[in-house]
């Protein structure tokens, strides 16, 4: 099965050796997104703004793949402080509807560029 690389200017450009997303068949693997503003490539300020920016970035990459976050079957969230988990839940409710995707939330020591949150997702189309 051929791999299709997904790119969009509506989400931050890759800042390393990875693609924003890769589609194989009906499955799209979205790389982790942190709260970078795609226009400036700067981290937005504060945990709430970063959470929103993360999901806006994932939404933009999903759209570039011809999909939406409604197609998500698995989401992984990484937080430098698990005390922000309730804020993630609150924000996710604005981006996902039932039935919700499977999810993991993991506390990590640090994230790229000093980000407070990162998330990635797997989408299944069709």
PDB file of N, CA and C in Angstrom:
ATOM      1  N   UNK A   1       0.846  -1.178   0.000  1.00  0.00           N
ATOM      2  CA  UNK A   1       0.000   0.000   0.000  1.00  0.00           C
ATOM      3  C   UNK A   1       0.892   1.241   0.000  1.00  0.00           C
ATOM      4  N   UNK A   2       0.549   2.187  -0.829  1.00  0.00           N
ATOM      5  CA  UNK A   2       1.339   3.416  -0.942  1.00  0.00           C
ATOM      6  C   UNK A   2       1.052   4.368   0.210  1.00  0.00           C
ATOM      7  N   UNK A   3       2.100   5.072   0.607  1.00  0.00           N
ATOM      8  CA  UNK A   3       1.953   6.105   1.635  1.00  0.00           C
ATOM      9  C   UNK A   3       1.721   7.439   0.941  1.00  0.00           C
ATOM     10  N   UNK A   4       0.812   8.228   1.494  1.00  0.00           N
ATOM     11  CA  UNK A   4       0.570   9.593   1.009  1.00  0.00           C
ATOM     12  C   UNK A   4       0.941  10.543   2.132  1.00  0.00           C
ATOM     13  N   UNK A   5       1.843  11.474   1.845  1.00  0.00           N
ATOM     14  CA  UNK A   5       2.262  12.459   2.834  1.00  0.00           C
ATOM     15  C   UNK A   5       1.278  13.618   2.809  1.00  0.00           C
ATOM     16  N   UNK A   6       0.802  14.014   3.975  1.00  0.00           N
ATOM     17  CA  UNK A   6      -0.170  15.100   4.119  1.00  0.00           C
ATOM     18  C   UNK A   6       0.563  16.336   4.619  1.00  0.00           C
ATOM     19  N   UNK A   7       0.322  17.461   3.926  1.00  0.00           N
ATOM     20  CA  UNK A   7       0.919  18.746   4.317  1.00  0.00           C
ATOM     21  C   UNK A   7      -0.127  19.844   4.205  1.00  0.00           C
ATOM     22  N   UNK A   8      -0.033  20.808   5.111  1.00  0.00           N
ATOM     23  CA  UNK A   8      -0.879  21.989   5.024  1.00  0.00           C
ATOM     24  C   UNK A   8      -0.184  23.170   5.682  1.00  0.00           C
ATOM     25  N   UNK A   9      -0.388  24.348   5.102  1.00  0.00           N
ATOM     26  CA  UNK A   9       0.127  25.579   5.709  1.00  0.00           C
ATOM     27  C   UNK A   9      -0.775  26.043   6.849  1.00  0.00           C
ATOM     28  N   UNK A  10      -1.928  25.392   7.031  1.00  0.00           N
ATOM     29  CA  UNK A  10      -2.875  25.754   8.083  1.00  0.00           C
ATOM     30  C   UNK A  10      -2.476  25.199   9.448  1.00  0.00           C
ATOM     31  N   UNK A  11      -1.412  24.402   9.472  1.00  0.00           N
ATOM     32  CA  UNK A  11      -0.852  23.876  10.725  1.00  0.00           C
ATOM     33  C   UNK A  11       0.649  24.127  10.673  1.00  0.00           C
ATOM     34  N   UNK A  12       1.310  24.116  11.811  1.00  0.00           N
ATOM     35  CA  UNK A  12       2.754  24.378  11.818  1.00  0.00           C
ATOM     36  C   UNK A  12       3.515  23.399  10.928  1.00  0.00           C
ATOM     37  N   UNK A  13       4.508  23.921  10.241  1.00  0.00           N
ATOM     38  CA  UNK A  13       5.388  23.069   9.443  1.00  0.00           C
ATOM     39  C   UNK A  13       6.140  22.143  10.383  1.00  0.00           C
ATOM     40  N   UNK A  14       6.498  20.984   9.880  1.00  0.00           N
ATOM     41  CA  UNK A  14       7.273  20.038  10.678  1.00  0.00           C
ATOM     42  C   UNK A  14       8.588  20.692  11.103  1.00  0.00           C
ATOM     43  N   UNK A  15       8.965  20.514  12.364  1.00  0.00           N
ATOM     44  CA  UNK A  15      10.201  21.112  12.873  1.00  0.00           C
ATOM     45  C   UNK A  15      11.242  20.023  13.138  1.00  0.00           C
ATOM     46  N   UNK A  16      11.141  18.955  12.398  1.00  0.00           N
ATOM     47  CA  UNK A  16      12.070  17.844  12.548  1.00  0.00           C
ATOM     48  C   UNK A  16      11.913  16.872  11.398  1.00  0.00           C
ATOM     49  N   UNK A  17      12.379  15.678  11.614  1.00  0.00           N
ATOM     50  CA  UNK A  17      12.361  14.657  10.572  1.00  0.00           C
ATOM     51  C   UNK A  17      11.060  13.858  10.614  1.00  0.00           C
ATOM     52  N   UNK A  18       9.962  14.526  10.323  1.00  0.00           N
ATOM     53  CA  UNK A  18       8.656  13.884  10.296  1.00  0.00           C
ATOM     54  C   UNK A  18       7.734  14.651   9.360  1.00  0.00           C
ATOM     55  N   UNK A  19       6.603  14.046   9.028  1.00  0.00           N
ATOM     56  CA  UNK A  19       5.561  14.676   8.220  1.00  0.00           C
ATOM     57  C   UNK A  19       4.407  15.062   9.132  1.00  0.00           C
ATOM     58  N   UNK A  20       3.612  16.042   8.718  1.00  0.00           N
ATOM     59  CA  UNK A  20       2.452  16.423   9.525  1.00  0.00           C
ATOM     60  C   UNK A  20       1.504  15.244   9.685  1.00  0.00           C
ATOM     61  N   UNK A  21       1.372  14.457   8.623  1.00  0.00           N
ATOM     62  CA  UNK A  21       0.544  13.252   8.674  1.00  0.00           C
ATOM     63  C   UNK A  21       0.935  12.339   7.523  1.00  0.00           C
ATOM     64  N   UNK A  22       0.600  11.074   7.687  1.00  0.00           N
ATOM     65  CA  UNK A  22       0.817  10.080   6.643  1.00  0.00           C
ATOM     66  C   UNK A  22      -0.463   9.263   6.515  1.00  0.00           C
ATOM     67  N   UNK A  23      -0.925   9.114   5.270  1.00  0.00           N
ATOM     68  CA  UNK A  23      -2.105   8.293   5.008  1.00  0.00           C
ATOM     69  C   UNK A  23      -1.664   7.000   4.331  1.00  0.00           C
ATOM     70  N   UNK A  24      -2.166   5.893   4.860  1.00  0.00           N
ATOM     71  CA  UNK A  24      -1.951   4.588   4.265  1.00  0.00           C
ATOM     72  C   UNK A  24      -3.322   3.940   4.178  1.00  0.00           C
ATOM     73  N   UNK A  25      -3.805   3.740   2.964  1.00  0.00           N
ATOM     74  CA  UNK A  25      -5.157   3.204   2.800  1.00  0.00           C
ATOM     75  C   UNK A  25      -6.168   4.157   3.406  1.00  0.00           C
ATOM     76  N   UNK A  26      -7.010   3.643   4.272  1.00  0.00           N
ATOM     77  CA  UNK A  26      -8.049   4.457   4.919  1.00  0.00           C
ATOM     78  C   UNK A  26      -7.631   4.979   6.286  1.00  0.00           C
ATOM     79  N   UNK A  27      -6.353   4.811   6.634  1.00  0.00           N
ATOM     80  CA  UNK A  27      -5.866   5.242   7.935  1.00  0.00           C
ATOM     81  C   UNK A  27      -4.938   6.432   7.775  1.00  0.00           C
ATOM     82  N   UNK A  28      -5.149   7.451   8.618  1.00  0.00           N
ATOM     83  CA  UNK A  28      -4.309   8.649   8.611  1.00  0.00           C
ATOM     84  C   UNK A  28      -3.691   8.784   9.996  1.00  0.00           C
ATOM     85  N   UNK A  29      -2.373   8.885  10.024  1.00  0.00           N
ATOM     86  CA  UNK A  29      -1.628   9.036  11.268  1.00  0.00           C
ATOM     87  C   UNK A  29      -1.197  10.492  11.387  1.00  0.00           C
ATOM     88  N   UNK A  30      -1.773  11.218  12.344  1.00  0.00           N
ATOM     89  CA  UNK A  30      -1.439  12.623  12.555  1.00  0.00           C
ATOM     90  C   UNK A  30      -0.298  12.723  13.547  1.00  0.00           C
ATOM     91  N   UNK A  31       0.760  13.413  13.152  1.00  0.00           N
ATOM     92  CA  UNK A  31       1.893  13.621  14.054  1.00  0.00           C
ATOM     93  C   UNK A  31       1.472  14.507  15.214  1.00  0.00           C
ATOM     94  N   UNK A  32       2.247  14.447  16.275  1.00  0.00           N
ATOM     95  CA  UNK A  32       1.976  15.266  17.442  1.00  0.00           C
ATOM     96  C   UNK A  32       2.016  16.743  17.109  1.00  0.00           C
ATOM     97  N   UNK A  33       1.074  17.466  17.669  1.00  0.00           N
ATOM     98  CA  UNK A  33       0.998  18.914  17.504  1.00  0.00           C
ATOM     99  C   UNK A  33       1.141  19.569  18.874  1.00  0.00           C
ATOM    100  N   UNK A  34       1.947  20.605  18.921  1.00  0.00           N
ATOM    101  CA  UNK A  34       2.024  21.445  20.111  1.00  0.00           C
ATOM    102  C   UNK A  34       1.345  22.762  19.774  1.00  0.00           C
ATOM    103  N   UNK A  35       1.291  23.673  20.704  1.00  0.00           N
ATOM    104  CA  UNK A  35       0.548  24.922  20.531  1.00  0.00           C
ATOM    105  C   UNK A  35       1.262  25.982  19.721  1.00  0.00           C
ATOM    106  N   UNK A  36       1.837  25.596  18.599  1.00  0.00           N
ATOM    107  CA  UNK A  36       2.476  26.576  17.716  1.00  0.00           C
ATOM    108  C   UNK A  36       1.447  27.217  16.812  1.00  0.00           C
ATOM    109  N   UNK A  37       1.520  28.526  16.692  1.00  0.00           N
ATOM    110  CA  UNK A  37       0.704  29.260  15.729  1.00  0.00           C
ATOM    111  C   UNK A  37       1.328  29.024  14.358  1.00  0.00           C
ATOM    112  N   UNK A  38       0.582  28.483  13.384  1.00  0.00           N
ATOM    113  CA  UNK A  38       1.182  28.181  12.089  1.00  0.00           C
ATOM    114  C   UNK A  38       1.672  29.412  11.331  1.00  0.00           C
ATOM    115  N   UNK A  39       1.103  30.562  11.608  1.00  0.00           N
ATOM    116  CA  UNK A  39       1.508  31.784  10.908  1.00  0.00           C
ATOM    117  C   UNK A  39       2.851  32.302  11.396  1.00  0.00           C
ATOM    118  N   UNK A  40       3.107  32.157  12.694  1.00  0.00           N
ATOM    119  CA  UNK A  40       4.330  32.722  13.271  1.00  0.00           C
ATOM    120  C   UNK A  40       5.339  31.664  13.708  1.00  0.00           C
ATOM    121  N   UNK A  41       4.874  30.414  13.822  1.00  0.00           N
ATOM    122  CA  UNK A  41       5.684  29.299  14.339  1.00  0.00           C
ATOM    123  C   UNK A  41       6.150  29.578  15.768  1.00  0.00           C
ATOM    124  N   UNK A  42       5.396  30.410  16.491  1.00  0.00           N
ATOM    125  CA  UNK A  42       5.672  30.701  17.895  1.00  0.00           C
ATOM    126  C   UNK A  42       4.624  30.010  18.764  1.00  0.00           C
ATOM    127  N   UNK A  43       5.044  29.600  19.949  1.00  0.00           N
ATOM    128  CA  UNK A  43       4.151  28.968  20.898  1.00  0.00           C
ATOM    129  C   UNK A  43       3.185  30.005  21.456  1.00  0.00           C
ATOM    130  N   UNK A  44       1.879  29.680  21.456  1.00  0.00           N
ATOM    131  CA  UNK A  44       0.903  30.590  22.038  1.00  0.00           C
ATOM    132  C   UNK A  44       1.059  30.551  23.562  1.00  0.00           C
ATOM    133  N   UNK A  45       0.575  31.592  24.224  1.00  0.00           N
ATOM    134  CA  UNK A  45       0.775  31.754  25.672  1.00  0.00           C
ATOM    135  C   UNK A  45      -0.325  31.075  26.483  1.00  0.00           C
ATOM    136  N   UNK A  46       0.078  30.339  27.503  1.00  0.00           N
ATOM    137  CA  UNK A  46      -0.870  29.795  28.470  1.00  0.00           C
ATOM    138  C   UNK A  46      -1.420  28.435  28.087  1.00  0.00           C
ATOM    139  N   UNK A  47      -1.785  27.667  29.089  1.00  0.00           N
ATOM    140  CA  UNK A  47      -2.246  26.304  28.868  1.00  0.00           C
ATOM    141  C   UNK A  47      -3.545  26.249  28.065  1.00  0.00           C
ATOM    142  N   UNK A  48      -4.514  27.106  28.366  1.00  0.00           N
ATOM    143  CA  UNK A  48      -5.789  27.045  27.649  1.00  0.00           C
ATOM    144  C   UNK A  48      -5.605  27.365  26.177  1.00  0.00           C
ATOM    145  N   UNK A  49      -4.823  28.401  25.868  1.00  0.00           N
ATOM    146  CA  UNK A  49      -4.562  28.758  24.472  1.00  0.00           C
ATOM    147  C   UNK A  49      -3.791  27.649  23.762  1.00  0.00           C
ATOM    148  N   UNK A  50      -2.869  27.016  24.467  1.00  0.00           N
ATOM    149  CA  UNK A  50      -2.101  25.936  23.850  1.00  0.00           C
ATOM    150  C   UNK A  50      -2.987  24.723  23.549  1.00  0.00           C
ATOM    151  N   UNK A  51      -3.879  24.391  24.465  1.00  0.00           N
ATOM    152  CA  UNK A  51      -4.782  23.256  24.226  1.00  0.00           C
ATOM    153  C   UNK A  51      -5.633  23.520  22.990  1.00  0.00           C
ATOM    154  N   UNK A  52      -6.219  24.708  22.894  1.00  0.00           N
ATOM    155  CA  UNK A  52      -7.037  25.055  21.732  1.00  0.00           C
ATOM    156  C   UNK A  52      -6.194  24.991  20.460  1.00  0.00           C
ATOM    157  N   UNK A  53      -4.995  25.558  20.500  1.00  0.00           N
ATOM    158  CA  UNK A  53      -4.129  25.585  19.312  1.00  0.00           C
ATOM    159  C   UNK A  53      -3.755  24.172  18.879  1.00  0.00           C
ATOM    160  N   UNK A  54      -3.483  23.289  19.838  1.00  0.00           N
ATOM    161  CA  UNK A  54      -3.173  21.896  19.520  1.00  0.00           C
ATOM    162  C   UNK A  54      -4.309  21.267  18.724  1.00  0.00           C
ATOM    163  N   UNK A  55      -5.538  21.428  19.187  1.00  0.00           N
ATOM    164  CA  UNK A  55      -6.668  20.799  18.503  1.00  0.00           C
ATOM    165  C   UNK A  55      -7.004  21.510  17.189  1.00  0.00           C
ATOM    166  N   UNK A  56      -6.780  22.808  17.109  1.00  0.00           N
ATOM    167  CA  UNK A  56      -6.945  23.505  15.828  1.00  0.00           C
ATOM    168  C   UNK A  56      -5.918  22.992  14.814  1.00  0.00           C
ATOM    169  N   UNK A  57      -4.697  22.763  15.262  1.00  0.00           N
ATOM    170  CA  UNK A  57      -3.659  22.238  14.371  1.00  0.00           C
ATOM    171  C   UNK A  57      -4.008  20.832  13.896  1.00  0.00           C
ATOM    172  N   UNK A  58      -4.446  19.974  14.818  1.00  0.00           N
ATOM    173  CA  UNK A  58      -4.855  18.627  14.418  1.00  0.00           C
ATOM    174  C   UNK A  58      -6.022  18.671  13.446  1.00  0.00           C
ATOM    175  N   UNK A  59      -6.975  19.551  13.711  1.00  0.00           N
ATOM    176  CA  UNK A  59      -8.142  19.711  12.831  1.00  0.00           C
ATOM    177  C   UNK A  59      -7.705  20.117  11.425  1.00  0.00           C
ATOM    178  N   UNK A  60      -6.730  21.028  11.323  1.00  0.00           N
ATOM    179  CA  UNK A  60      -6.249  21.495  10.022  1.00  0.00           C
ATOM    180  C   UNK A  60      -5.542  20.380   9.254  1.00  0.00           C
ATOM    181  N   UNK A  61      -4.758  19.585   9.947  1.00  0.00           N
ATOM    182  CA  UNK A  61      -4.067  18.480   9.279  1.00  0.00           C
ATOM    183  C   UNK A  61      -5.085  17.421   8.843  1.00  0.00           C
ATOM    184  N   UNK A  62      -6.062  17.149   9.681  1.00  0.00           N
ATOM    185  CA  UNK A  62      -7.120  16.204   9.309  1.00  0.00           C
ATOM    186  C   UNK A  62      -7.837  16.686   8.052  1.00  0.00           C
ATOM    187  N   UNK A  63      -8.154  17.975   7.997  1.00  0.00           N
ATOM    188  CA  UNK A  63      -8.837  18.532   6.818  1.00  0.00           C
ATOM    189  C   UNK A  63      -7.976  18.389   5.567  1.00  0.00           C
ATOM    190  N   UNK A  64      -6.678  18.582   5.709  1.00  0.00           N
ATOM    191  CA  UNK A  64      -5.778  18.439   4.561  1.00  0.00           C
ATOM    192  C   UNK A  64      -5.761  17.001   4.050  1.00  0.00           C
ATOM    193  N   UNK A  65      -6.103  16.061   4.908  1.00  0.00           N
ATOM    194  CA  UNK A  65      -6.176  14.648   4.522  1.00  0.00           C
ATOM    195  C   UNK A  65      -7.560  14.284   3.990  1.00  0.00           C
ATOM    196  N   UNK A  66      -8.458  15.277   3.898  1.00  0.00           N
ATOM    197  CA  UNK A  66      -9.819  15.011   3.444  1.00  0.00           C
ATOM    198  C   UNK A  66     -10.675  14.396   4.531  1.00  0.00           C
ATOM    199  N   UNK A  67     -10.332  14.680   5.773  1.00  0.00           N
ATOM    200  CA  UNK A  67     -11.018  14.073   6.910  1.00  0.00           C
ATOM    201  C   UNK A  67     -11.400  15.157   7.915  1.00  0.00           C
ATOM    202  N   UNK A  68     -11.854  14.722   9.068  1.00  0.00           N
ATOM    203  CA  UNK A  68     -12.133  15.634  10.176  1.00  0.00           C
ATOM    204  C   UNK A  68     -11.818  14.901  11.473  1.00  0.00           C
ATOM    205  N   UNK A  69     -11.867  15.607  12.569  1.00  0.00           N
ATOM    206  CA  UNK A  69     -11.623  14.970  13.854  1.00  0.00           C
ATOM    207  C   UNK A  69     -12.722  13.972  14.211  1.00  0.00           C
ATOM    208  N   UNK A  70     -13.859  14.033  13.512  1.00  0.00           N
ATOM    209  CA  UNK A  70     -14.901  13.023  13.703  1.00  0.00           C
ATOM    210  C   UNK A  70     -14.417  11.640  13.271  1.00  0.00           C
ATOM    211  N   UNK A  71     -13.372  11.600  12.449  1.00  0.00           N
ATOM    212  CA  UNK A  71     -12.815  10.333  11.976  1.00  0.00           C
ATOM    213  C   UNK A  71     -11.768   9.756  12.931  1.00  0.00           C
ATOM    214  N   UNK A  72     -11.483  10.457  14.031  1.00  0.00           N
ATOM    215  CA  UNK A  72     -10.465   9.998  14.982  1.00  0.00           C
ATOM    216  C   UNK A  72     -10.928   8.732  15.698  1.00  0.00           C
ATOM    217  N   UNK A  73     -10.039   7.751  15.748  1.00  0.00           N
ATOM    218  CA  UNK A  73     -10.307   6.535  16.510  1.00  0.00           C
ATOM    219  C   UNK A  73      -9.415   6.459  17.752  1.00  0.00           C
ATOM    220  N   UNK A  74      -8.315   7.224  17.753  1.00  0.00           N
ATOM    221  CA  UNK A  74      -7.390   7.219  18.890  1.00  0.00           C
ATOM    222  C   UNK A  74      -6.715   8.570  18.983  1.00  0.00           C
ATOM    223  N   UNK A  75      -6.670   9.117  20.182  1.00  0.00           N
ATOM    224  CA  UNK A  75      -5.993  10.381  20.457  1.00  0.00           C
ATOM    225  C   UNK A  75      -5.058  10.143  21.646  1.00  0.00           C
ATOM    226  N   UNK A  76      -3.851  10.630  21.525  1.00  0.00           N
ATOM    227  CA  UNK A  76      -2.890  10.606  22.631  1.00  0.00           C
ATOM    228  C   UNK A  76      -2.614  12.039  23.042  1.00  0.00           C
ATOM    229  N   UNK A  77      -2.694  12.316  24.324  1.00  0.00           N
ATOM    230  CA  UNK A  77      -2.440  13.654  24.862  1.00  0.00           C
ATOM    231  C   UNK A  77      -1.283  13.554  25.843  1.00  0.00           C
ATOM    232  N   UNK A  78      -0.343  14.476  25.717  1.00  0.00           N
ATOM    233  CA  UNK A  78       0.826  14.521  26.590  1.00  0.00           C
ATOM    234  C   UNK A  78       0.812  15.859  27.318  1.00  0.00           C
ATOM    235  N   UNK A  79       0.892  15.815  28.632  1.00  0.00           N
ATOM    236  CA  UNK A  79       0.834  17.021  29.459  1.00  0.00           C
ATOM    237  C   UNK A  79       2.043  17.089  30.381  1.00  0.00           C
ATOM    238  N   UNK A  80       2.602  18.279  30.514  1.00  0.00           N
ATOM    239  CA  UNK A  80       3.702  18.451  31.464  1.00  0.00           C
ATOM    240  C   UNK A  80       3.174  18.592  32.889  1.00  0.00           C
ATOM    241  N   UNK A  81       1.866  18.795  33.027  1.00  0.00           N
ATOM    242  CA  UNK A  81       1.236  18.880  34.342  1.00  0.00           C
ATOM    243  C   UNK A  81      -0.161  18.266  34.232  1.00  0.00           C
ATOM    244  N   UNK A  82      -0.341  17.094  34.830  1.00  0.00           N
ATOM    245  CA  UNK A  82      -1.636  16.415  34.727  1.00  0.00           C
ATOM    246  C   UNK A  82      -2.760  17.165  35.422  1.00  0.00           C
ATOM    247  N   UNK A  83      -2.449  18.208  36.163  1.00  0.00           N
ATOM    248  CA  UNK A  83      -3.490  19.043  36.753  1.00  0.00           C
ATOM    249  C   UNK A  83      -4.312  19.752  35.669  1.00  0.00           C
ATOM    250  N   UNK A  84      -3.778  19.802  34.439  1.00  0.00           N
ATOM    251  CA  UNK A  84      -4.487  20.440  33.326  1.00  0.00           C
ATOM    252  C   UNK A  84      -5.407  19.470  32.581  1.00  0.00           C
ATOM    253  N   UNK A  85      -5.504  18.243  33.071  1.00  0.00           N
ATOM    254  CA  UNK A  85      -6.305  17.224  32.398  1.00  0.00           C
ATOM    255  C   UNK A  85      -7.766  17.646  32.236  1.00  0.00           C
ATOM    256  N   UNK A  86      -8.351  18.283  33.247  1.00  0.00           N
ATOM    257  CA  UNK A  86      -9.753  18.722  33.161  1.00  0.00           C
ATOM    258  C   UNK A  86      -9.927  19.755  32.052  1.00  0.00           C
ATOM    259  N   UNK A  87      -8.936  20.633  31.863  1.00  0.00           N
ATOM    260  CA  UNK A  87      -9.011  21.625  30.782  1.00  0.00           C
ATOM    261  C   UNK A  87      -8.951  20.944  29.423  1.00  0.00           C
ATOM    262  N   UNK A  88      -8.159  19.890  29.317  1.00  0.00           N
ATOM    263  CA  UNK A  88      -8.101  19.128  28.064  1.00  0.00           C
ATOM    264  C   UNK A  88      -9.478  18.526  27.780  1.00  0.00           C
ATOM    265  N   UNK A  89     -10.097  17.907  28.781  1.00  0.00           N
ATOM    266  CA  UNK A  89     -11.428  17.325  28.600  1.00  0.00           C
ATOM    267  C   UNK A  89     -12.442  18.368  28.153  1.00  0.00           C
ATOM    268  N   UNK A  90     -12.415  19.511  28.794  1.00  0.00           N
ATOM    269  CA  UNK A  90     -13.342  20.592  28.460  1.00  0.00           C
ATOM    270  C   UNK A  90     -13.163  21.034  27.012  1.00  0.00           C
ATOM    271  N   UNK A  91     -11.927  21.191  26.586  1.00  0.00           N
ATOM    272  CA  UNK A  91     -11.655  21.638  25.218  1.00  0.00           C
ATOM    273  C   UNK A  91     -11.966  20.537  24.213  1.00  0.00           C
ATOM    274  N   UNK A  92     -11.608  19.302  24.531  1.00  0.00           N
ATOM    275  CA  UNK A  92     -11.884  18.201  23.601  1.00  0.00           C
ATOM    276  C   UNK A  92     -13.371  18.080  23.302  1.00  0.00           C
ATOM    277  N   UNK A  93     -14.214  18.406  24.263  1.00  0.00           N
ATOM    278  CA  UNK A  93     -15.660  18.324  24.054  1.00  0.00           C
ATOM    279  C   UNK A  93     -16.133  19.272  22.960  1.00  0.00           C
ATOM    280  N   UNK A  94     -15.332  20.288  22.652  1.00  0.00           N
ATOM    281  CA  UNK A  94     -15.672  21.224  21.580  1.00  0.00           C
ATOM    282  C   UNK A  94     -15.203  20.724  20.215  1.00  0.00           C
ATOM    283  N   UNK A  95     -14.308  19.757  20.198  1.00  0.00           N
ATOM    284  CA  UNK A  95     -13.731  19.259  18.946  1.00  0.00           C
ATOM    285  C   UNK A  95     -14.166  17.847  18.584  1.00  0.00           C
ATOM    286  N   UNK A  96     -14.676  17.092  19.552  1.00  0.00           N
ATOM    287  CA  UNK A  96     -15.073  15.708  19.325  1.00  0.00           C
ATOM    288  C   UNK A  96     -16.487  15.511  19.836  1.00  0.00           C
ATOM    289  N   UNK A  97     -17.237  14.655  19.133  1.00  0.00           N
ATOM    290  CA  UNK A  97     -18.577  14.328  19.598  1.00  0.00           C
ATOM    291  C   UNK A  97     -18.676  12.823  19.783  1.00  0.00           C
ATOM    292  N   UNK A  98     -19.692  12.401  20.495  1.00  0.00           N
ATOM    293  CA  UNK A  98     -19.885  10.981  20.750  1.00  0.00           C
ATOM    294  C   UNK A  98     -20.229  10.260  19.456  1.00  0.00           C
ATOM    295  N   UNK A  99     -19.793   9.045  19.289  1.00  0.00           N
ATOM    296  CA  UNK A  99     -18.943   8.301  20.207  1.00  0.00           C
ATOM    297  C   UNK A  99     -17.505   8.827  20.129  1.00  0.00           C
ATOM    298  N   UNK A 100     -16.914   9.074  21.283  1.00  0.00           N
ATOM    299  CA  UNK A 100     -15.579   9.649  21.360  1.00  0.00           C
ATOM    300  C   UNK A 100     -14.529   8.630  20.945  1.00  0.00           C
ATOM    301  N   UNK A 101     -13.390   9.128  20.466  1.00  0.00           N
ATOM    302  CA  UNK A 101     -12.295   8.201  20.149  1.00  0.00           C
ATOM    303  C   UNK A 101     -11.681   7.641  21.433  1.00  0.00           C
ATOM    304  N   UNK A 102     -10.942   6.557  21.281  1.00  0.00           N
ATOM    305  CA  UNK A 102     -10.137   6.068  22.404  1.00  0.00           C
ATOM    306  C   UNK A 102      -9.089   7.133  22.698  1.00  0.00           C
ATOM    307  N   UNK A 103      -8.601   7.177  23.948  1.00  0.00           N
ATOM    308  CA  UNK A 103      -7.640   8.227  24.294  1.00  0.00           C
ATOM    309  C   UNK A 103      -6.706   7.753  25.388  1.00  0.00           C
ATOM    310  N   UNK A 104      -5.498   8.272  25.332  1.00  0.00           N
ATOM    311  CA  UNK A 104      -4.549   8.122  26.430  1.00  0.00           C
ATOM    312  C   UNK A 104      -4.110   9.525  26.811  1.00  0.00           C
ATOM    313  N   UNK A 105      -3.898   9.744  28.096  1.00  0.00           N
ATOM    314  CA  UNK A 105      -3.350  11.007  28.596  1.00  0.00           C
ATOM    315  C   UNK A 105      -2.144  10.645  29.441  1.00  0.00           C
ATOM    316  N   UNK A 106      -1.013  11.228  29.097  1.00  0.00           N
ATOM    317  CA  UNK A 106       0.243  10.853  29.718  1.00  0.00           C
ATOM    318  C   UNK A 106       0.931  12.089  30.275  1.00  0.00           C
ATOM    319  N   UNK A 107       1.414  11.988  31.495  1.00  0.00           N
ATOM    320  CA  UNK A 107       2.218  13.051  32.087  1.00  0.00           C
ATOM    321  C   UNK A 107       3.666  12.875  31.642  1.00  0.00           C
ATOM    322  N   UNK A 108       4.257  13.947  31.157  1.00  0.00           N
ATOM    323  CA  UNK A 108       5.642  13.906  30.688  1.00  0.00           C
ATOM    324  C   UNK A 108       6.446  15.014  31.360  1.00  0.00           C
ATOM    325  N   UNK A 109       7.734  14.837  31.402  1.00  0.00           N
ATOM    326  CA  UNK A 109       8.599  15.826  32.051  1.00  0.00           C
ATOM    327  C   UNK A 109       8.647  17.125  31.254  1.00  0.00           C
ATOM    328  N   UNK A 110       8.826  17.013  29.934  1.00  0.00           N
ATOM    329  CA  UNK A 110       8.867  18.211  29.101  1.00  0.00           C
ATOM    330  C   UNK A 110       8.505  17.864  27.670  1.00  0.00           C
ATOM    331  N   UNK A 111       8.188  18.912  26.897  1.00  0.00           N
ATOM    332  CA  UNK A 111       7.809  18.774  25.499  1.00  0.00           C
ATOM    333  C   UNK A 111       8.638  19.747  24.656  1.00  0.00           C
ATOM    334  N   UNK A 112       8.682  19.541  23.335  1.00  0.00           N
ATOM    335  CA  UNK A 112       9.464  20.438  22.480  1.00  0.00           C
ATOM    336  C   UNK A 112       9.079  21.901  22.667  1.00  0.00           C
ATOM    337  N   UNK A 113      10.078  22.749  22.596  1.00  0.00           N
ATOM    338  CA  UNK A 113       9.915  24.201  22.677  1.00  0.00           C
ATOM    339  C   UNK A 113       9.270  24.685  23.970  1.00  0.00           C
ATOM    340  N   UNK A 114       9.282  23.873  24.995  1.00  0.00           N
ATOM    341  CA  UNK A 114       8.684  24.271  26.262  1.00  0.00           C
ATOM    342  C   UNK A 114       7.173  24.222  26.273  1.00  0.00           C
ATOM    343  N   UNK A 115       6.574  23.508  25.316  1.00  0.00           N
ATOM    344  CA  UNK A 115       5.120  23.390  25.251  1.00  0.00           C
ATOM    345  C   UNK A 115       4.596  22.714  26.515  1.00  0.00           C
ATOM    346  N   UNK A 116       3.349  23.012  26.841  1.00  0.00           N
ATOM    347  CA  UNK A 116       2.688  22.444  28.007  1.00  0.00           C
ATOM    348  C   UNK A 116       1.836  21.235  27.660  1.00  0.00           C
ATOM    349  N   UNK A 117       1.483  21.110  26.373  1.00  0.00           N
ATOM    350  CA  UNK A 117       0.604  20.029  25.918  1.00  0.00           C
ATOM    351  C   UNK A 117       0.946  19.665  24.477  1.00  0.00           C
ATOM    352  N   UNK A 118       0.768  18.403  24.147  1.00  0.00           N
ATOM    353  CA  UNK A 118       0.926  17.904  22.789  1.00  0.00           C
ATOM    354  C   UNK A 118      -0.121  16.823  22.586  1.00  0.00           C
ATOM    355  N   UNK A 119      -0.592  16.666  21.364  1.00  0.00           N
ATOM    356  CA  UNK A 119      -1.535  15.591  21.058  1.00  0.00           C
ATOM    357  C   UNK A 119      -1.290  15.091  19.642  1.00  0.00           C
ATOM    358  N   UNK A 120      -1.548  13.817  19.457  1.00  0.00           N
ATOM    359  CA  UNK A 120      -1.531  13.213  18.124  1.00  0.00           C
ATOM    360  C   UNK A 120      -2.792  12.393  17.970  1.00  0.00           C
ATOM    361  N   UNK A 121      -3.054  11.892  16.777  1.00  0.00           N
ATOM    362  CA  UNK A 121      -4.284  11.144  16.559  1.00  0.00           C
ATOM    363  C   UNK A 121      -4.133  10.175  15.393  1.00  0.00           C
ATOM    364  N   UNK A 122      -4.983   9.179  15.404  1.00  0.00           N
ATOM    365  CA  UNK A 122      -5.129   8.252  14.290  1.00  0.00           C
ATOM    366  C   UNK A 122      -6.563   8.381  13.799  1.00  0.00           C
ATOM    367  N   UNK A 123      -6.720   8.557  12.494  1.00  0.00           N
ATOM    368  CA  UNK A 123      -8.029   8.686  11.874  1.00  0.00           C
ATOM    369  C   UNK A 123      -8.271   7.475  10.975  1.00  0.00           C
ATOM    370  N   UNK A 124      -9.501   7.035  10.904  1.00  0.00           N
ATOM    371  CA  UNK A 124      -9.887   5.991   9.947  1.00  0.00           C
ATOM    372  C   UNK A 124     -11.016   6.566   9.112  1.00  0.00           C
ATOM    373  N   UNK A 125     -10.817   6.571   7.804  1.00  0.00           N
ATOM    374  CA  UNK A 125     -11.776   7.162   6.873  1.00  0.00           C
ATOM    375  C   UNK A 125     -12.732   6.091   6.335  1.00  0.00           C
ATOM    376  N   UNK A 126     -13.917   6.558   5.961  1.00  0.00           N
ATOM    377  CA  UNK A 126     -14.827   5.660   5.286  1.00  0.00           C
ATOM    378  C   UNK A 126     -15.882   5.053   6.135  1.00  0.00           C
TER     379      UNK A 126
END
